[in-house]
Every structure is written in structure tokens, then in C-alpha cells.
């Protein structure tokens, strides 16, 4: 499974959730229509986040910004 996922929460909430769970972040990108695209550093971290944030997962494709410069963590 991928280390990337889309969540229907704010960037601040996503970062806080990852800190709470001890999940390291590689990239967090805000989505134009709300929510975030997040990439975890490890597969294990993404598995934990996917399980704990299951209610906020966005299913299916999402529109992303073409020219967004992601902040590295």
C-alpha cells in the first residue's frame, strides 16, 4: 500500500494527529477543495495513520494544485 493518503482535515490537524501517533511526515500538501494530501516517511507510519484517521480518509481521486511547492518535514 502507498505511504500517501488524502484526509478531510486541516493541515494543522493532520500534523497534530501525526505527532500524537508518532508518525513521521514526509510531505503535507493542502488540497484546493479542502483537506490534505499527506505522505508518511514509512509504510508502518502510513498504516497507523490510515487506521487511526479512517473516518477522515478521502476515497477516490482528488484535485491537487499543479504548482504547489510542498514544505519538507
Protein backbone atom coordinates (compact mmCIF):
# COMPACT_ATOMS: atom_id res chain seq x y z
CA UNK A 1 0.00 0.00 0.00
CA UNK A 2 1.09 3.60 -0.60
CA UNK A 3 2.61 5.90 2.02
CA UNK A 4 0.39 8.71 0.66
CA UNK A 5 -3.24 9.42 1.51
CA UNK A 6 -5.82 12.17 1.35
CA UNK A 7 -7.56 13.30 4.54
CA UNK A 8 -10.54 15.60 5.00
CA UNK A 9 -8.92 17.55 7.86
CA UNK A 10 -6.80 20.70 8.02
CA UNK A 11 -3.03 20.71 7.67
CA UNK A 12 -2.65 21.66 11.36
CA UNK A 13 -4.94 18.82 12.43
CA UNK A 14 -3.06 16.33 10.24
CA UNK A 15 0.31 17.39 11.65
CA UNK A 16 -1.05 17.24 15.22
CA UNK A 17 -2.54 13.77 14.63
CA UNK A 18 0.78 12.50 13.26
CA UNK A 19 2.66 13.95 16.25
CA UNK A 20 0.17 12.34 18.63
CA UNK A 21 0.63 8.96 16.94
CA UNK A 22 4.41 9.24 16.49
CA UNK A 23 4.08 9.12 12.70
CA UNK A 24 6.82 10.90 10.76
CA UNK A 25 5.71 13.09 7.86
CA UNK A 26 7.48 13.43 4.55
CA UNK A 27 5.13 15.93 2.86
CA UNK A 28 1.81 17.65 3.65
CA UNK A 29 0.01 19.40 0.79
CA UNK A 30 -3.27 21.28 1.21
CA UNK A 31 -5.93 20.29 -1.34
CA UNK A 32 -7.71 23.04 -3.31
CA UNK A 33 -11.17 21.73 -2.36
CA UNK A 34 -10.32 21.16 1.31
CA UNK A 35 -8.34 18.57 3.20
CA UNK A 36 -4.73 17.49 2.79
CA UNK A 37 -2.57 15.11 0.79
CA UNK A 38 -0.09 13.61 3.23
CA UNK A 39 2.89 11.33 2.66
CA UNK A 40 4.35 9.47 5.64
CA UNK A 41 8.05 8.61 5.86
CA UNK A 42 7.43 4.91 6.49
CA UNK A 43 4.89 2.31 5.47
CA UNK A 44 4.31 1.49 9.12
CA UNK A 45 3.51 5.13 9.85
CA UNK A 46 1.03 5.32 6.99
CA UNK A 47 -0.64 2.12 8.19
CA UNK A 48 -1.07 3.60 11.69
CA UNK A 49 -2.41 6.90 10.35
CA UNK A 50 -4.79 5.16 7.94
CA UNK A 51 -6.18 3.08 10.80
CA UNK A 52 -6.48 5.92 13.33
CA UNK A 53 -7.82 8.51 10.83
CA UNK A 54 -10.12 6.12 8.98
CA UNK A 55 -13.13 8.44 9.39
CA UNK A 56 -11.24 11.24 7.59
CA UNK A 57 -9.90 9.30 4.59
CA UNK A 58 -10.98 10.67 1.22
CA UNK A 59 -11.82 7.81 -1.15
CA UNK A 60 -11.14 8.15 -4.85
CA UNK A 61 -9.22 10.74 -6.84
CA UNK A 62 -8.86 14.35 -5.68
CA UNK A 63 -7.83 17.53 -7.44
CA UNK A 64 -4.34 18.70 -6.44
CA UNK A 65 -2.56 22.00 -7.12
CA UNK A 66 -0.34 21.78 -10.17
CA UNK A 67 2.28 24.25 -8.92
CA UNK A 68 2.26 23.65 -5.18
CA UNK A 69 5.73 23.65 -3.57
CA UNK A 70 5.46 21.21 -0.71
CA UNK A 71 7.20 22.02 2.55
CA UNK A 72 9.58 19.24 3.53
CA UNK A 73 9.35 17.96 7.11
